């Protein structure tokens, strides 16, 4: 379970949606989501991971789920005819906690992106985001780094909610944009700009709003945290390729879209020095 969900006071959650073999819960004011998934699912911010026998029992009766309570590390699923109680053991920390002055493996990462032809949800290969000369929607990308708030807002409006699926490609791209800036402690006012967009239901999906809100406070998937760690250390090609592959494997194109955002941000920040 993500440590950020650990509550000293009891909270109540309700079924929000199901997707494949996972489901999302929403809190009483419908402002937060929590993902519930099997124990071997990739660690995501706001995630709760259950052993298979318990997950199968709850998921098999998902239409009977009335509510879920969470108090410290104890979860109770209230079904029509019974309740299922789970005491959570191991937790993970989704917070980005490294803030280096330099990224020793930045060039290696960009080299690997340049060699990668995985298709993004923008219908361009990842390699297109490895150089400012080949950026798709170059004006909008560069607007994200403008000193003019109007330009930045226009770029955010263009990207937030753009694309298909539970987490549109533009939103996933912006996760990468935020991650690099938080990693380098640069332009941190952008966290608030994203939070403003994510608070409104008018721009994108509930699920994507959740991940944008988490990113705005520095919380990311374990795969993205692993990549951040690889960027701040001298990393060999095999490890970097593995970290990129772990992210690409997430979702239909979500991982590739986030990597596109990371690559474009590194290039633009370098270009503007």
Protein backbone atom coordinates (compact mmCIF):
# COMPACT_ATOMS: atom_id res chain seq x y z
CA UNK A 1 0.00 0.00 0.00
CA UNK A 2 1.18 3.52 -0.77
CA UNK A 3 2.26 5.03 2.54
CA UNK A 4 0.39 8.25 1.72
CA UNK A 5 -2.91 6.38 2.22
CA UNK A 6 -2.03 5.41 5.79
CA UNK A 7 -4.55 7.29 7.92
CA UNK A 8 -4.67 7.73 11.69
CA UNK A 9 -8.36 8.57 11.42
CA UNK A 10 -10.76 6.20 9.68
CA UNK A 11 -11.78 7.15 6.13
CA UNK A 12 -14.59 5.74 4.01
CA UNK A 13 -14.30 4.93 0.31
CA UNK A 14 -16.74 3.84 -2.38
CA UNK A 15 -16.44 2.03 -5.71
CA UNK A 16 -15.60 4.44 -8.52
CA UNK A 17 -14.81 2.22 -11.51
CA UNK A 18 -13.33 -1.07 -12.65
CA UNK A 19 -10.71 -1.60 -15.33
CA UNK A 20 -9.61 -5.06 -16.43
CA UNK A 21 -8.44 -6.77 -13.22
CA UNK A 22 -8.30 -3.66 -11.03
CA UNK A 23 -10.77 -1.23 -9.49
CA UNK A 24 -10.71 2.34 -8.22
CA UNK A 25 -12.19 3.67 -5.00
CA UNK A 26 -13.20 7.27 -4.38
CA UNK A 27 -13.45 9.04 -1.05
CA UNK A 28 -16.58 10.68 0.36
CA UNK A 29 -16.06 14.07 -1.29
CA UNK A 30 -15.04 12.42 -4.60
CA UNK A 31 -11.74 14.32 -4.66
CA UNK A 32 -9.36 11.37 -4.27
CA UNK A 33 -8.96 7.97 -5.91
CA UNK A 34 -7.25 4.81 -4.68
CA UNK A 35 -6.35 1.95 -7.00
CA UNK A 36 -6.93 -1.61 -5.72
CA UNK A 37 -5.01 -4.31 -7.57
CA UNK A 38 -3.38 -7.74 -7.10
CA UNK A 39 -0.12 -7.91 -5.19
CA UNK A 40 2.06 -8.26 -8.31
CA UNK A 41 0.64 -5.19 -10.08
CA UNK A 42 3.14 -2.32 -10.66
CA UNK A 43 3.27 0.10 -7.72
CA UNK A 44 1.37 3.32 -8.52
CA UNK A 45 0.74 6.40 -6.34
CA UNK A 46 -2.38 5.88 -4.26
CA UNK A 47 -2.23 2.11 -4.81
CA UNK A 48 -3.49 -0.68 -2.54
CA UNK A 49 -2.22 -4.18 -3.33
CA UNK A 50 -3.95 -7.31 -2.07
CA UNK A 51 -2.86 -10.98 -1.97
CA UNK A 52 -4.56 -12.93 -4.76
CA UNK A 53 -7.03 -14.96 -2.64
CA UNK A 54 -8.35 -11.80 -1.00
CA UNK A 55 -8.32 -9.74 -4.20
CA UNK A 56 -10.16 -12.49 -6.09
CA UNK A 57 -12.78 -12.71 -3.33
CA UNK A 58 -13.46 -8.97 -3.36
CA UNK A 59 -13.21 -8.49 -7.13
CA UNK A 60 -15.49 -11.46 -7.76
CA UNK A 61 -18.19 -9.72 -5.71
CA UNK A 62 -17.37 -6.17 -6.83
CA UNK A 63 -20.98 -5.32 -7.69
CA UNK A 64 -21.91 -6.07 -4.07
CA UNK A 65 -19.34 -3.65 -2.65
CA UNK A 66 -21.11 -1.09 -0.47
CA UNK A 67 -18.13 0.73 1.02
CA UNK A 68 -14.54 0.34 2.20
CA UNK A 69 -13.07 1.72 5.41
CA UNK A 70 -9.38 2.41 5.92
CA UNK A 71 -7.90 2.99 9.37
CA UNK A 72 -4.14 3.02 9.68
CA UNK A 73 -3.14 -0.23 7.93
CA UNK A 74 -6.50 -2.02 8.17
CA UNK A 75 -8.94 -2.23 5.26
CA UNK A 76 -12.49 -3.49 5.56
CA UNK A 77 -14.51 -4.27 2.42
CA UNK A 78 -18.25 -4.26 3.14
CA UNK A 79 -20.10 -6.59 0.76
CA UNK A 80 -23.84 -7.36 0.74
CA UNK A 81 -23.61 -10.51 2.86
CA UNK A 82 -20.24 -10.20 4.58
CA UNK A 83 -17.19 -8.08 5.20
CA UNK A 84 -13.59 -8.83 4.27
CA UNK A 85 -10.89 -7.46 6.59
CA UNK A 86 -7.30 -7.04 5.46
CA UNK A 87 -4.33 -5.96 7.56
CA UNK A 88 -1.81 -4.43 5.19
CA UNK A 89 1.83 -5.30 5.70
CA UNK A 90 4.54 -3.85 3.50
CA UNK A 91 4.10 -0.29 2.23
CA UNK A 92 5.92 1.66 -0.46
CA UNK A 93 6.72 5.37 -0.62
CA UNK A 94 5.62 7.05 -3.86
CA UNK A 95 7.34 10.37 -3.02
CA UNK A 96 10.21 11.68 -5.12
CA UNK A 97 12.91 12.32 -2.54
CA UNK A 98 16.07 12.91 -4.58
CA UNK A 99 16.98 16.40 -5.80
CA UNK A 100 20.47 16.40 -7.35
CA UNK A 101 22.22 19.38 -8.89
CA UNK A 102 23.19 17.35 -11.96
CA UNK A 103 21.94 14.25 -13.78
CA UNK A 104 25.02 12.18 -14.71
CA UNK A 105 23.02 9.75 -16.87
CA UNK A 106 20.89 12.30 -18.74
CA UNK A 107 22.84 11.86 -22.01
CA UNK A 108 22.56 8.07 -21.83
CA UNK A 109 18.80 8.34 -21.30
CA UNK A 110 18.38 10.65 -24.30
CA UNK A 111 20.54 8.32 -26.42
CA UNK A 112 18.26 5.39 -25.54
CA UNK A 113 15.15 7.45 -26.36
CA UNK A 114 16.67 8.42 -29.73
CA UNK A 115 17.06 4.70 -30.51
CA UNK A 116 13.54 3.82 -29.38
CA UNK A 117 10.75 3.62 -31.96
CA UNK A 118 7.97 2.67 -29.55
CA UNK A 119 4.84 4.53 -30.65
CA UNK A 120 3.42 7.13 -28.31
CA UNK A 121 -0.27 7.94 -28.03
CA UNK A 122 0.45 11.02 -30.15
CA UNK A 123 1.12 8.68 -33.11
CA UNK A 124 4.78 9.65 -33.17
CA UNK A 125 7.64 7.35 -32.13
CA UNK A 126 9.50 8.07 -28.91
CA UNK A 127 12.58 8.95 -30.96
CA UNK A 128 10.76 12.05 -32.28
CA UNK A 129 11.00 13.54 -28.78
CA UNK A 130 14.78 13.15 -28.57
CA UNK A 131 15.58 16.40 -30.40
CA UNK A 132 14.00 19.87 -30.47
CA UNK A 133 14.29 19.73 -34.27
CA UNK A 134 11.93 16.75 -34.47
CA UNK A 135 9.46 17.64 -31.68
CA UNK A 136 5.82 17.12 -32.62
CA UNK A 137 3.65 20.10 -31.56
CA UNK A 138 6.88 22.02 -30.99
CA UNK A 139 5.19 25.33 -30.21
CA UNK A 140 3.11 23.79 -27.42
CA UNK A 141 6.09 21.96 -25.92
CA UNK A 142 8.22 25.08 -25.93
CA UNK A 143 5.33 27.08 -24.47
CA UNK A 144 5.57 24.94 -21.33
CA UNK A 145 8.92 26.61 -20.64
CA UNK A 146 7.90 30.16 -21.46
CA UNK A 147 8.37 32.92 -18.90
CA UNK A 148 5.00 34.24 -20.00
CA UNK A 149 2.19 32.72 -17.94
CA UNK A 150 -0.27 33.12 -20.84
CA UNK A 151 1.91 31.01 -23.14
CA UNK A 152 2.34 28.34 -20.49
CA UNK A 153 -1.39 28.23 -19.78
CA UNK A 154 -2.13 27.83 -23.50
CA UNK A 155 0.26 24.89 -23.72
CA UNK A 156 -1.27 23.27 -20.65
CA UNK A 157 -4.77 23.71 -22.06
CA UNK A 158 -3.59 22.09 -25.29
CA UNK A 159 -2.10 19.07 -23.52
CA UNK A 160 -4.37 18.35 -20.53
CA UNK A 161 -6.92 15.73 -21.55
CA UNK A 162 -5.52 15.40 -25.08
CA UNK A 163 -5.68 11.82 -26.33
CA UNK A 164 -7.52 8.59 -25.68
CA UNK A 165 -8.00 6.29 -22.70
CA UNK A 166 -8.20 6.54 -18.93
CA UNK A 167 -5.04 8.65 -18.86
CA UNK A 168 -4.84 10.70 -22.08
CA UNK A 169 -1.45 11.08 -23.72
CA UNK A 170 -1.15 14.79 -22.97
CA UNK A 171 -1.59 14.12 -19.24
CA UNK A 172 1.03 11.37 -19.25
CA UNK A 173 3.41 13.71 -21.09
CA UNK A 174 2.88 16.30 -18.34
CA UNK A 175 3.78 13.73 -15.66
CA UNK A 176 7.22 13.52 -17.27
CA UNK A 177 7.42 17.32 -17.50
CA UNK A 178 6.72 17.68 -13.77
CA UNK A 179 9.04 14.83 -12.75
CA UNK A 180 12.14 16.36 -14.33
CA UNK A 181 11.45 19.83 -12.94
CA UNK A 182 10.86 18.46 -9.44
CA UNK A 183 13.98 16.34 -9.75
CA UNK A 184 16.01 19.45 -10.61
CA UNK A 185 14.04 21.72 -8.24
CA UNK A 186 13.28 24.03 -11.16
CA UNK A 187 10.07 25.98 -11.99
CA UNK A 188 8.22 24.50 -9.03
CA UNK A 189 5.36 26.96 -9.57
CA UNK A 190 4.28 24.56 -12.32
CA UNK A 191 3.08 22.16 -9.61
CA UNK A 192 0.35 24.63 -8.72
CA UNK A 193 -0.61 25.18 -12.37
CA UNK A 194 -1.14 21.44 -12.80
CA UNK A 195 -3.03 21.21 -9.51
CA UNK A 196 -5.43 23.91 -10.71
CA UNK A 197 -6.16 21.97 -13.89
CA UNK A 198 -6.47 18.65 -12.05
CA UNK A 199 -8.94 19.99 -9.49
CA UNK A 200 -11.48 20.74 -12.21
CA UNK A 201 -13.53 17.91 -13.79
CA UNK A 202 -13.72 19.88 -17.03
CA UNK A 203 -10.34 19.01 -18.55
CA UNK A 204 -9.67 15.29 -18.29
CA UNK A 205 -10.77 11.97 -16.78
CA UNK A 206 -11.14 11.30 -13.05
CA UNK A 207 -8.36 8.72 -13.15
CA UNK A 208 -5.98 11.07 -14.93
CA UNK A 209 -6.86 13.93 -12.60
CA UNK A 210 -5.82 11.67 -9.71
CA UNK A 211 -2.36 10.97 -11.17
CA UNK A 212 -1.83 14.64 -12.08
CA UNK A 213 -2.72 15.66 -8.51
CA UNK A 214 -0.33 13.08 -7.10
CA UNK A 215 2.45 14.22 -9.45
CA UNK A 216 1.88 17.86 -8.45
CA UNK A 217 2.86 16.90 -4.88
CA UNK A 218 5.78 14.77 -6.06
CA UNK A 219 4.29 11.25 -6.00
CA UNK A 220 4.99 8.81 -8.84
CA UNK A 221 4.97 5.15 -9.80
CA UNK A 222 7.81 2.93 -8.64
CA UNK A 223 8.96 2.60 -12.26
CA UNK A 224 9.32 6.38 -12.61
CA UNK A 225 11.09 6.64 -9.25
CA UNK A 226 13.50 3.92 -10.43
CA UNK A 227 14.21 5.91 -13.60
CA UNK A 228 14.79 9.07 -11.55
CA UNK A 229 17.33 7.16 -9.46
CA UNK A 230 19.03 5.92 -12.64
CA UNK A 231 19.27 9.48 -13.96
CA UNK A 232 20.99 10.83 -10.86
CA UNK A 233 23.60 8.06 -10.70
CA UNK A 234 26.28 6.91 -13.14
CA UNK A 235 24.22 4.18 -14.85
CA UNK A 236 25.22 1.61 -17.46
CA UNK A 237 23.35 0.99 -20.71
CA UNK A 238 21.75 -2.25 -19.56
CA UNK A 239 20.22 -0.71 -16.45
CA UNK A 240 18.98 2.36 -18.34
CA UNK A 241 17.40 0.19 -21.03
CA UNK A 242 15.70 -1.87 -18.33
CA UNK A 243 14.32 1.24 -16.58
CA UNK A 244 12.92 2.56 -19.86
CA UNK A 245 11.40 -0.83 -20.73
CA UNK A 246 9.66 -0.98 -17.34
CA UNK A 247 7.95 2.34 -18.05
CA UNK A 248 7.05 1.49 -21.66
CA UNK A 249 5.29 -1.64 -20.36
CA UNK A 250 2.79 0.48 -18.41
CA UNK A 251 -0.55 0.85 -20.20
CA UNK A 252 -1.18 0.94 -23.93
CA UNK A 253 0.95 4.05 -24.53
CA UNK A 254 0.99 5.77 -21.13
CA UNK A 255 4.57 4.81 -20.35
CA UNK A 256 5.86 5.95 -23.74
CA UNK A 257 3.96 9.24 -23.41
CA UNK A 258 5.54 9.92 -20.01
CA UNK A 259 9.01 9.11 -21.37
CA UNK A 260 8.32 11.58 -24.21
CA UNK A 261 7.59 14.24 -21.61
CA UNK A 262 10.79 13.45 -19.71
CA UNK A 263 12.93 13.56 -22.85
CA UNK A 264 11.38 16.79 -24.18
CA UNK A 265 11.81 18.48 -20.78
CA UNK A 266 15.46 17.50 -20.48
CA UNK A 267 16.14 18.83 -23.97
CA UNK A 268 14.29 22.11 -23.46
CA UNK A 269 15.90 22.76 -20.09
CA UNK A 270 19.31 22.11 -21.62
CA UNK A 271 18.53 24.34 -24.61
CA UNK A 272 17.45 27.24 -22.40
CA UNK A 273 20.53 27.30 -20.17
